[in-house]
Amino acid sequence: MNYADIKQYDVANGPGVRVSLFVSGCTHHCKECFNPETWDFNYGKPLTEETIQLILQYMEPDYVKGITLLGGEPFEHTNQQGLLPLVRAIREKYPQKSIWCFTGYDFEKDILGKMIKEWDETKELLSYIEVLVDGEFMIDKKDLGLVFKGSSNQRSILVQESLKEGKVCLWEPK
């Protein structure tokens, strides 16, 4: 799996100071995507063990609240496979830090309705994620007033609570 960028200090893609990893590869091709270069699965650099160690180092300070996975598309199957060693390492070293993920896929229809049944990686990846912002970016629903989202069709889903309750539970900013 390739990644396009790592932001060591990000305050735009989740609460608090976070590390953000922008993966490469996306088949959504949303109109007016802010990161179209990440559509190409070969764009950027390979995610290696050295990259994982660098991300863990970036996450070490107490003021870093967690990591956000974006893209590209983290839930493309090849990206799920590539992200699992990273999120396993994060959860082992920093169990108290949150993992957020942005996806253009719909949580119920695509992820729970298809992927989780087809790929073992999906269930494991979901087990590490606190908040999943789902839904494609839609330019006609763009709203600059939203917190950690680009368009009004997107939802910030509390993943573990939603899986436990059997219904979508939303994260709300405090």
N, C-alpha and C. Protein backbone atom coordinates (compact mmCIF):
# COMPACT_ATOMS: atom_id res chain seq x y z
N MET A 1 0.84 -1.18 0.00
CA MET A 1 0.00 0.00 0.00
C MET A 1 0.88 1.24 0.00
N ASN A 2 0.47 2.23 -0.76
CA ASN A 2 1.19 3.50 -0.78
C ASN A 2 0.43 4.56 0.02
N TYR A 3 1.16 5.57 0.44
CA TYR A 3 0.53 6.70 1.10
C TYR A 3 1.00 7.98 0.41
N ALA A 4 0.14 8.99 0.44
CA ALA A 4 0.43 10.25 -0.22
C ALA A 4 1.15 11.22 0.70
N ASP A 5 0.77 11.22 1.99
CA ASP A 5 1.32 12.20 2.91
C ASP A 5 1.08 11.78 4.35
N ILE A 6 1.92 12.26 5.23
CA ILE A 6 1.73 12.13 6.67
C ILE A 6 1.83 13.54 7.23
N LYS A 7 0.81 13.96 7.96
CA LYS A 7 0.85 15.25 8.64
C LYS A 7 1.12 14.95 10.12
N GLN A 8 2.22 15.48 10.62
CA GLN A 8 2.59 15.23 12.01
C GLN A 8 1.69 15.97 12.98
N TYR A 9 1.22 17.15 12.56
CA TYR A 9 0.36 17.97 13.42
C TYR A 9 -0.86 18.38 12.60
N ASP A 10 -2.01 17.82 12.91
CA ASP A 10 -3.23 18.12 12.17
C ASP A 10 -4.34 18.40 13.17
N VAL A 11 -5.03 19.53 12.97
CA VAL A 11 -6.17 19.86 13.85
C VAL A 11 -7.46 19.96 13.05
N ALA A 12 -7.41 19.62 11.76
CA ALA A 12 -8.58 19.77 10.89
C ALA A 12 -9.36 18.48 10.67
N ASN A 13 -8.81 17.34 11.07
CA ASN A 13 -9.42 16.05 10.72
C ASN A 13 -9.70 15.18 11.93
N GLY A 14 -10.22 15.80 12.97
CA GLY A 14 -10.56 15.10 14.20
C GLY A 14 -10.20 15.98 15.38
N PRO A 15 -10.69 15.61 16.56
CA PRO A 15 -10.47 16.46 17.74
C PRO A 15 -9.04 16.44 18.25
N GLY A 16 -8.56 17.60 18.67
CA GLY A 16 -7.22 17.73 19.22
C GLY A 16 -6.15 17.70 18.15
N VAL A 17 -4.92 17.68 18.61
CA VAL A 17 -3.78 17.53 17.70
C VAL A 17 -3.68 16.06 17.35
N ARG A 18 -3.59 15.79 16.04
CA ARG A 18 -3.57 14.41 15.57
C ARG A 18 -2.48 14.23 14.52
N VAL A 19 -2.10 13.01 14.30
CA VAL A 19 -1.30 12.64 13.15
C VAL A 19 -2.30 12.21 12.08
N SER A 20 -2.08 12.61 10.83
CA SER A 20 -2.96 12.18 9.76
C SER A 20 -2.16 11.47 8.68
N LEU A 21 -2.71 10.34 8.26
CA LEU A 21 -2.11 9.55 7.18
C LEU A 21 -3.07 9.55 6.00
N PHE A 22 -2.58 10.07 4.88
CA PHE A 22 -3.36 10.11 3.64
C PHE A 22 -2.92 8.95 2.77
N VAL A 23 -3.78 7.94 2.64
CA VAL A 23 -3.44 6.77 1.83
C VAL A 23 -3.66 7.06 0.35
N SER A 24 -3.00 6.28 -0.50
CA SER A 24 -3.18 6.41 -1.94
C SER A 24 -4.11 5.31 -2.44
N GLY A 25 -4.94 5.68 -3.40
CA GLY A 25 -5.86 4.74 -4.01
C GLY A 25 -7.29 5.03 -3.63
N CYS A 26 -8.09 5.37 -4.64
CA CYS A 26 -9.51 5.65 -4.41
C CYS A 26 -10.26 5.47 -5.72
N THR A 27 -11.38 4.76 -5.65
CA THR A 27 -12.20 4.55 -6.84
C THR A 27 -13.45 5.42 -6.87
N HIS A 28 -13.65 6.26 -5.85
CA HIS A 28 -14.84 7.12 -5.81
C HIS A 28 -14.77 8.26 -6.82
N HIS A 29 -13.62 8.92 -6.89
CA HIS A 29 -13.41 10.06 -7.80
C HIS A 29 -14.49 11.13 -7.62
N CYS A 30 -14.68 11.57 -6.40
CA CYS A 30 -15.68 12.59 -6.08
C CYS A 30 -15.40 13.88 -6.85
N LYS A 31 -16.46 14.49 -7.35
CA LYS A 31 -16.33 15.76 -8.06
C LYS A 31 -15.78 16.81 -7.09
N GLU A 32 -14.76 17.54 -7.53
CA GLU A 32 -14.06 18.56 -6.75
C GLU A 32 -13.41 18.01 -5.49
N CYS A 33 -12.93 16.78 -5.57
CA CYS A 33 -12.14 16.17 -4.50
C CYS A 33 -10.96 17.09 -4.18
N PHE A 34 -10.63 17.25 -2.89
CA PHE A 34 -9.53 18.13 -2.51
C PHE A 34 -8.18 17.43 -2.65
N ASN A 35 -8.19 16.14 -2.99
CA ASN A 35 -6.96 15.35 -3.04
C ASN A 35 -6.95 14.38 -4.23
N PRO A 36 -7.25 14.84 -5.45
CA PRO A 36 -7.40 13.90 -6.57
C PRO A 36 -6.13 13.11 -6.91
N GLU A 37 -4.97 13.62 -6.56
CA GLU A 37 -3.74 12.86 -6.83
C GLU A 37 -3.73 11.53 -6.08
N THR A 38 -4.50 11.44 -4.99
CA THR A 38 -4.52 10.21 -4.20
C THR A 38 -5.44 9.15 -4.78
N TRP A 39 -6.09 9.43 -5.90
CA TRP A 39 -6.90 8.39 -6.55
C TRP A 39 -6.01 7.26 -7.06
N ASP A 40 -4.79 7.58 -7.44
CA ASP A 40 -3.85 6.63 -8.02
C ASP A 40 -3.24 5.77 -6.90
N PHE A 41 -3.45 4.46 -6.99
CA PHE A 41 -2.94 3.53 -5.98
C PHE A 41 -1.41 3.53 -5.92
N ASN A 42 -0.74 3.95 -6.99
CA ASN A 42 0.72 3.96 -7.04
C ASN A 42 1.33 5.30 -6.64
N TYR A 43 0.50 6.28 -6.33
CA TYR A 43 0.98 7.60 -5.96
C TYR A 43 1.68 7.54 -4.60
N GLY A 44 2.70 8.35 -4.42
CA GLY A 44 3.35 8.49 -3.12
C GLY A 44 4.41 7.45 -2.85
N LYS A 45 4.50 7.06 -1.58
CA LYS A 45 5.55 6.15 -1.12
C LYS A 45 4.93 4.92 -0.47
N PRO A 46 5.65 3.80 -0.47
CA PRO A 46 5.13 2.60 0.20
C PRO A 46 5.07 2.79 1.72
N LEU A 47 4.03 2.24 2.32
CA LEU A 47 3.92 2.22 3.78
C LEU A 47 4.75 1.03 4.27
N THR A 48 5.88 1.34 4.88
CA THR A 48 6.83 0.31 5.32
C THR A 48 6.85 0.22 6.84
N GLU A 49 7.59 -0.72 7.36
CA GLU A 49 7.78 -0.83 8.81
C GLU A 49 8.44 0.44 9.34
N GLU A 50 9.35 1.03 8.57
CA GLU A 50 10.00 2.27 8.98
C GLU A 50 8.98 3.41 9.06
N THR A 51 8.04 3.43 8.11
CA THR A 51 6.98 4.45 8.13
C THR A 51 6.11 4.27 9.37
N ILE A 52 5.77 3.04 9.67
CA ILE A 52 4.95 2.75 10.86
C ILE A 52 5.67 3.24 12.11
N GLN A 53 6.96 2.99 12.21
CA GLN A 53 7.73 3.44 13.38
C GLN A 53 7.77 4.96 13.47
N LEU A 54 7.87 5.63 12.32
CA LEU A 54 7.86 7.09 12.30
C LEU A 54 6.51 7.62 12.80
N ILE A 55 5.42 7.02 12.34
CA ILE A 55 4.08 7.44 12.79
C ILE A 55 3.94 7.21 14.30
N LEU A 56 4.41 6.08 14.78
CA LEU A 56 4.36 5.82 16.23
C LEU A 56 5.16 6.87 17.00
N GLN A 57 6.29 7.26 16.45
CA GLN A 57 7.10 8.32 17.09
C GLN A 57 6.34 9.64 17.10
N TYR A 58 5.69 9.98 15.98
CA TYR A 58 4.90 11.21 15.90
C TYR A 58 3.76 11.20 16.93
N MET A 59 3.24 10.03 17.24
CA MET A 59 2.09 9.92 18.15
C MET A 59 2.49 9.92 19.62
N GLU A 60 3.77 9.85 19.91
CA GLU A 60 4.24 9.69 21.29
C GLU A 60 3.86 10.82 22.25
N PRO A 61 3.97 12.09 21.85
CA PRO A 61 3.67 13.15 22.84
C PRO A 61 2.24 13.05 23.40
N ASP A 62 2.12 13.38 24.67
CA ASP A 62 0.81 13.32 25.33
C ASP A 62 -0.23 14.21 24.67
N TYR A 63 0.20 15.34 24.09
CA TYR A 63 -0.77 16.25 23.46
C TYR A 63 -1.34 15.71 22.15
N VAL A 64 -0.74 14.68 21.59
CA VAL A 64 -1.28 14.07 20.37
C VAL A 64 -2.41 13.13 20.80
N LYS A 65 -3.62 13.43 20.34
CA LYS A 65 -4.80 12.70 20.79
C LYS A 65 -5.07 11.42 20.01
N GLY A 66 -4.49 11.32 18.79
CA GLY A 66 -4.71 10.11 18.01
C GLY A 66 -4.26 10.28 16.58
N ILE A 67 -4.77 9.41 15.73
CA ILE A 67 -4.45 9.41 14.31
C ILE A 67 -5.74 9.43 13.51
N THR A 68 -5.67 10.05 12.34
CA THR A 68 -6.78 10.04 11.40
C THR A 68 -6.29 9.44 10.09
N LEU A 69 -7.06 8.50 9.56
CA LEU A 69 -6.76 7.84 8.30
C LEU A 69 -7.68 8.42 7.24
N LEU A 70 -7.08 8.96 6.16
CA LEU A 70 -7.87 9.57 5.08
C LEU A 70 -7.24 9.15 3.76
N GLY A 71 -7.70 9.81 2.72
CA GLY A 71 -7.13 9.42 1.45
C GLY A 71 -7.21 10.47 0.38
N GLY A 72 -7.27 9.76 -0.70
CA GLY A 72 -7.49 8.36 -1.04
C GLY A 72 -8.65 7.76 -0.26
N GLU A 73 -8.67 6.43 -0.24
CA GLU A 73 -9.76 5.70 0.40
C GLU A 73 -9.21 4.58 1.28
N PRO A 74 -9.22 4.77 2.60
CA PRO A 74 -8.72 3.73 3.50
C PRO A 74 -9.45 2.39 3.39
N PHE A 75 -10.72 2.41 2.97
CA PHE A 75 -11.49 1.16 2.94
C PHE A 75 -11.43 0.44 1.59
N GLU A 76 -10.59 0.90 0.64
CA GLU A 76 -10.31 0.05 -0.52
C GLU A 76 -9.65 -1.20 0.06
N HIS A 77 -9.95 -2.37 -0.49
CA HIS A 77 -9.48 -3.62 0.10
C HIS A 77 -7.97 -3.65 0.29
N THR A 78 -7.22 -3.27 -0.73
CA THR A 78 -5.76 -3.28 -0.62
C THR A 78 -5.27 -2.32 0.47
N ASN A 79 -5.98 -1.22 0.68
CA ASN A 79 -5.60 -0.28 1.73
C ASN A 79 -5.95 -0.81 3.11
N GLN A 80 -7.05 -1.53 3.23
CA GLN A 80 -7.36 -2.17 4.51
C GLN A 80 -6.23 -3.12 4.89
N GLN A 81 -5.78 -3.92 3.93
CA GLN A 81 -4.69 -4.85 4.19
C GLN A 81 -3.43 -4.11 4.61
N GLY A 82 -3.14 -3.00 3.95
CA GLY A 82 -1.95 -2.23 4.25
C GLY A 82 -2.01 -1.50 5.57
N LEU A 83 -3.21 -1.10 5.99
CA LEU A 83 -3.37 -0.33 7.23
C LEU A 83 -3.37 -1.20 8.49
N LEU A 84 -3.70 -2.45 8.37
CA LEU A 84 -3.82 -3.29 9.57
C LEU A 84 -2.54 -3.36 10.40
N PRO A 85 -1.35 -3.55 9.82
CA PRO A 85 -0.15 -3.54 10.68
C PRO A 85 0.03 -2.22 11.44
N LEU A 86 -0.33 -1.12 10.81
CA LEU A 86 -0.21 0.18 11.47
C LEU A 86 -1.19 0.30 12.63
N VAL A 87 -2.46 0.02 12.41
CA VAL A 87 -3.45 0.21 13.48
C VAL A 87 -3.25 -0.80 14.61
N ARG A 88 -2.78 -1.98 14.28
CA ARG A 88 -2.44 -2.94 15.35
C ARG A 88 -1.33 -2.37 16.23
N ALA A 89 -0.30 -1.82 15.60
CA ALA A 89 0.82 -1.25 16.35
C ALA A 89 0.38 -0.05 17.20
N ILE A 90 -0.48 0.77 16.63
CA ILE A 90 -0.99 1.94 17.37
C ILE A 90 -1.78 1.48 18.59
N ARG A 91 -2.68 0.54 18.38
CA ARG A 91 -3.53 0.09 19.48
C ARG A 91 -2.69 -0.57 20.58
N GLU A 92 -1.64 -1.28 20.19
CA GLU A 92 -0.78 -1.93 21.17
C GLU A 92 0.03 -0.90 21.97
N LYS A 93 0.60 0.08 21.28
CA LYS A 93 1.48 1.06 21.95
C LYS A 93 0.70 2.19 22.61
N TYR A 94 -0.40 2.60 21.99
CA TYR A 94 -1.18 3.75 22.49
C TYR A 94 -2.67 3.40 22.60
N PRO A 95 -3.03 2.51 23.50
CA PRO A 95 -4.44 2.09 23.57
C PRO A 95 -5.40 3.22 23.93
N GLN A 96 -4.89 4.28 24.53
CA GLN A 96 -5.73 5.41 24.95
C GLN A 96 -5.96 6.43 23.84
N LYS A 97 -5.22 6.34 22.74
CA LYS A 97 -5.34 7.33 21.66
C LYS A 97 -6.36 6.87 20.64
N SER A 98 -7.10 7.84 20.10
CA SER A 98 -8.20 7.50 19.19
C SER A 98 -7.74 7.34 17.76
N ILE A 99 -8.48 6.50 17.05
CA ILE A 99 -8.28 6.30 15.62
C ILE A 99 -9.56 6.73 14.92
N TRP A 100 -9.42 7.74 14.07
CA TRP A 100 -10.51 8.21 13.23
C TRP A 100 -10.21 7.80 11.80
N CYS A 101 -11.27 7.65 11.01
CA CYS A 101 -11.09 7.28 9.61
C CYS A 101 -12.16 7.95 8.77
N PHE A 102 -11.76 8.46 7.61
CA PHE A 102 -12.69 9.03 6.64
C PHE A 102 -12.83 8.05 5.49
N THR A 103 -14.06 7.79 5.07
CA THR A 103 -14.32 6.90 3.95
C THR A 103 -15.44 7.46 3.09
N GLY A 104 -15.33 7.24 1.81
CA GLY A 104 -16.42 7.60 0.90
C GLY A 104 -17.50 6.54 0.86
N TYR A 105 -17.26 5.41 1.47
CA TYR A 105 -18.25 4.33 1.49
C TYR A 105 -19.31 4.61 2.55
N ASP A 106 -20.48 4.05 2.35
CA ASP A 106 -21.58 4.13 3.31
C ASP A 106 -21.39 3.03 4.35
N PHE A 107 -21.48 3.39 5.62
CA PHE A 107 -21.23 2.46 6.72
C PHE A 107 -22.14 1.23 6.66
N GLU A 108 -23.46 1.46 6.55
CA GLU A 108 -24.38 0.31 6.56
C GLU A 108 -24.37 -0.44 5.23
N LYS A 109 -24.54 0.28 4.13
CA LYS A 109 -24.71 -0.36 2.83
C LYS A 109 -23.41 -1.04 2.36
N ASP A 110 -22.32 -0.30 2.37
CA ASP A 110 -21.08 -0.82 1.79
C ASP A 110 -20.22 -1.60 2.78
N ILE A 111 -19.95 -1.00 3.93
CA ILE A 111 -18.99 -1.61 4.87
C ILE A 111 -19.62 -2.79 5.60
N LEU A 112 -20.79 -2.56 6.23
CA LEU A 112 -21.44 -3.66 6.94
C LEU A 112 -22.21 -4.58 5.99
N GLY A 113 -22.76 -4.00 4.93
CA GLY A 113 -23.58 -4.77 4.00
C GLY A 113 -22.80 -5.65 3.04
N LYS A 114 -21.56 -5.27 2.73
CA LYS A 114 -20.77 -6.02 1.75
C LYS A 114 -19.39 -6.39 2.27
N MET A 115 -18.58 -5.36 2.55
CA MET A 115 -17.16 -5.60 2.85
C MET A 115 -16.93 -6.54 4.02
N ILE A 116 -17.64 -6.33 5.11
CA ILE A 116 -17.40 -7.13 6.32
C ILE A 116 -17.72 -8.60 6.08
N LYS A 117 -18.60 -8.87 5.10
CA LYS A 117 -18.95 -10.25 4.74
C LYS A 117 -17.94 -10.87 3.78
N GLU A 118 -17.27 -10.03 3.00
CA GLU A 118 -16.35 -10.51 1.97
C GLU A 118 -14.90 -10.57 2.42
N TRP A 119 -14.49 -9.65 3.29
CA TRP A 119 -13.08 -9.52 3.65
C TRP A 119 -12.90 -9.56 5.16
N ASP A 120 -12.08 -10.45 5.64
CA ASP A 120 -11.78 -10.53 7.08
C ASP A 120 -11.16 -9.24 7.61
N GLU A 121 -10.40 -8.56 6.74
CA GLU A 121 -9.71 -7.34 7.15
C GLU A 121 -10.68 -6.25 7.62
N THR A 122 -11.87 -6.20 7.01
CA THR A 122 -12.82 -5.14 7.35
C THR A 122 -13.24 -5.20 8.81
N LYS A 123 -13.58 -6.38 9.29
CA LYS A 123 -14.02 -6.51 10.68
C LYS A 123 -12.90 -6.12 11.64
N GLU A 124 -11.68 -6.57 11.33
CA GLU A 124 -10.56 -6.22 12.21
C GLU A 124 -10.28 -4.73 12.17
N LEU A 125 -10.26 -4.14 10.97
CA LEU A 125 -9.99 -2.70 10.86
C LEU A 125 -11.03 -1.91 11.64
N LEU A 126 -12.30 -2.26 11.48
CA LEU A 126 -13.37 -1.57 12.22
C LEU A 126 -13.17 -1.67 13.73
N SER A 127 -12.62 -2.78 14.19
CA SER A 127 -12.46 -2.99 15.64
C SER A 127 -11.50 -1.98 16.27
N TYR A 128 -10.68 -1.32 15.45
CA TYR A 128 -9.71 -0.35 15.96
C TYR A 128 -10.19 1.09 15.85
N ILE A 129 -11.25 1.34 15.10
CA ILE A 129 -11.67 2.71 14.78
C ILE A 129 -12.74 3.19 15.75
N GLU A 130 -12.50 4.38 16.36
CA GLU A 130 -13.51 4.99 17.23
C GLU A 130 -14.57 5.71 16.40
N VAL A 131 -14.13 6.56 15.48
CA VAL A 131 -15.06 7.36 14.68
C VAL A 131 -14.76 7.17 13.20
N LEU A 132 -15.82 6.92 12.45
CA LEU A 132 -15.73 6.77 11.00
C LEU A 132 -16.61 7.85 10.38
N VAL A 133 -16.00 8.73 9.60
CA VAL A 133 -16.77 9.72 8.85
C VAL A 133 -17.05 9.08 7.50
N ASP A 134 -18.34 8.80 7.23
CA ASP A 134 -18.67 8.06 6.02
C ASP A 134 -19.38 8.92 4.99
N GLY A 135 -19.40 8.42 3.77
CA GLY A 135 -20.11 9.08 2.67
C GLY A 135 -19.17 9.86 1.76
N GLU A 136 -19.44 9.78 0.47
CA GLU A 136 -18.66 10.52 -0.50
C GLU A 136 -18.83 12.02 -0.29
N PHE A 137 -17.79 12.78 -0.59
CA PHE A 137 -17.91 14.23 -0.61
C PHE A 137 -18.79 14.60 -1.79
N MET A 138 -19.80 15.43 -1.53
CA MET A 138 -20.72 15.88 -2.59
C MET A 138 -20.66 17.40 -2.66
N ILE A 139 -20.20 17.90 -3.79
CA ILE A 139 -20.01 19.34 -3.95
C ILE A 139 -21.31 20.12 -3.76
N ASP A 140 -22.43 19.54 -4.18
CA ASP A 140 -23.72 20.24 -4.04
C ASP A 140 -24.21 20.25 -2.59
N LYS A 141 -23.55 19.48 -1.71
CA LYS A 141 -23.91 19.47 -0.29
C LYS A 141 -22.75 19.99 0.58
N LYS A 142 -21.80 20.66 -0.08
CA LYS A 142 -20.65 21.20 0.64
C LYS A 142 -21.13 22.21 1.68
N ASP A 143 -20.54 22.13 2.88
CA ASP A 143 -20.94 23.01 3.97
C ASP A 143 -19.71 23.29 4.83
N LEU A 144 -19.20 24.50 4.73
CA LEU A 144 -18.00 24.87 5.47
C LEU A 144 -18.24 24.98 6.98
N GLY A 145 -19.49 24.96 7.40
CA GLY A 145 -19.82 25.06 8.82
C GLY A 145 -19.81 23.72 9.55
N LEU A 146 -19.63 22.64 8.83
CA LEU A 146 -19.62 21.32 9.46
C LEU A 146 -18.30 21.07 10.19
N VAL A 147 -18.37 20.32 11.27
CA VAL A 147 -17.18 19.99 12.04
C VAL A 147 -16.61 18.65 11.55
N PHE A 148 -15.39 18.69 11.03
CA PHE A 148 -14.66 17.51 10.55
C PHE A 148 -15.37 16.75 9.43
N LYS A 149 -16.12 17.47 8.59
CA LYS A 149 -16.77 16.88 7.42
C LYS A 149 -16.81 17.93 6.33
N GLY A 150 -16.97 17.48 5.09
CA GLY A 150 -17.01 18.43 3.98
C GLY A 150 -18.39 18.68 3.41
N SER A 151 -19.28 17.67 3.50
CA SER A 151 -20.61 17.84 2.93
C SER A 151 -21.66 17.24 3.87
N SER A 152 -22.87 17.77 3.78
CA SER A 152 -23.92 17.46 4.75
C SER A 152 -24.43 16.02 4.70
N ASN A 153 -24.10 15.27 3.65
CA ASN A 153 -24.50 13.87 3.59
C ASN A 153 -23.58 12.98 4.43
N GLN A 154 -22.44 13.50 4.85
CA GLN A 154 -21.49 12.70 5.61
C GLN A 154 -21.88 12.64 7.09
N ARG A 155 -21.53 11.51 7.72
CA ARG A 155 -21.86 11.30 9.13
C ARG A 155 -20.60 10.93 9.90
N SER A 156 -20.54 11.36 11.16
CA SER A 156 -19.45 10.98 12.06
C SER A 156 -20.00 9.89 12.97
N ILE A 157 -19.61 8.65 12.69
CA ILE A 157 -20.21 7.48 13.33
C ILE A 157 -19.31 6.95 14.44
N LEU A 158 -19.88 6.75 15.62
CA LEU A 158 -19.18 6.09 16.72
C LEU A 158 -19.22 4.59 16.40
N VAL A 159 -18.13 4.06 15.90
CA VAL A 159 -18.12 2.70 15.34
C VAL A 159 -18.42 1.64 16.39
N GLN A 160 -17.71 1.64 17.50
CA GLN A 160 -17.88 0.56 18.49
C GLN A 160 -19.30 0.58 19.08
N GLU A 161 -19.80 1.77 19.39
CA GLU A 161 -21.16 1.88 19.92
C GLU A 161 -22.19 1.42 18.88
N SER A 162 -21.98 1.78 17.63
CA SER A 162 -22.90 1.40 16.56
C SER A 162 -22.93 -0.11 16.37
N LEU A 163 -21.75 -0.74 16.41
CA LEU A 163 -21.70 -2.20 16.25
C LEU A 163 -22.38 -2.89 17.44
N LYS A 164 -22.16 -2.36 18.64
CA LYS A 164 -22.75 -2.95 19.85
C LYS A 164 -24.27 -2.78 19.86
N GLU A 165 -24.75 -1.59 19.48
CA GLU A 165 -26.18 -1.28 19.53
C GLU A 165 -26.95 -1.84 18.32
N GLY A 166 -26.24 -2.14 17.24
CA GLY A 166 -26.91 -2.62 16.03
C GLY A 166 -27.60 -1.50 15.26
N LYS A 167 -27.21 -0.26 15.53
CA LYS A 167 -27.75 0.90 14.82
C LYS A 167 -26.70 1.99 14.83
N VAL A 168 -26.82 2.93 13.91
CA VAL A 168 -25.83 3.99 13.81
C VAL A 168 -25.96 4.95 15.00
N CYS A 169 -24.84 5.13 15.70
CA CYS A 169 -24.74 6.09 16.80
C CYS A 169 -23.76 7.17 16.33
N LEU A 170 -24.16 8.43 16.40
CA LEU A 170 -23.36 9.51 15.86
C LEU A 170 -22.50 10.19 16.91
N TRP A 171 -21.31 10.58 16.49
CA TRP A 171 -20.43 11.40 17.30
C TRP A 171 -20.86 12.86 17.13
N GLU A 172 -20.93 13.56 18.24
CA GLU A 172 -21.28 14.99 18.19
C GLU A 172 -20.15 15.78 18.82
N PRO A 173 -19.77 16.92 18.21
CA PRO A 173 -18.71 17.73 18.81
C PRO A 173 -19.15 18.29 20.15
N LYS A 174 -18.18 18.43 21.05
CA LYS A 174 -18.50 18.93 22.40
C LYS A 174 -18.34 20.42 22.46
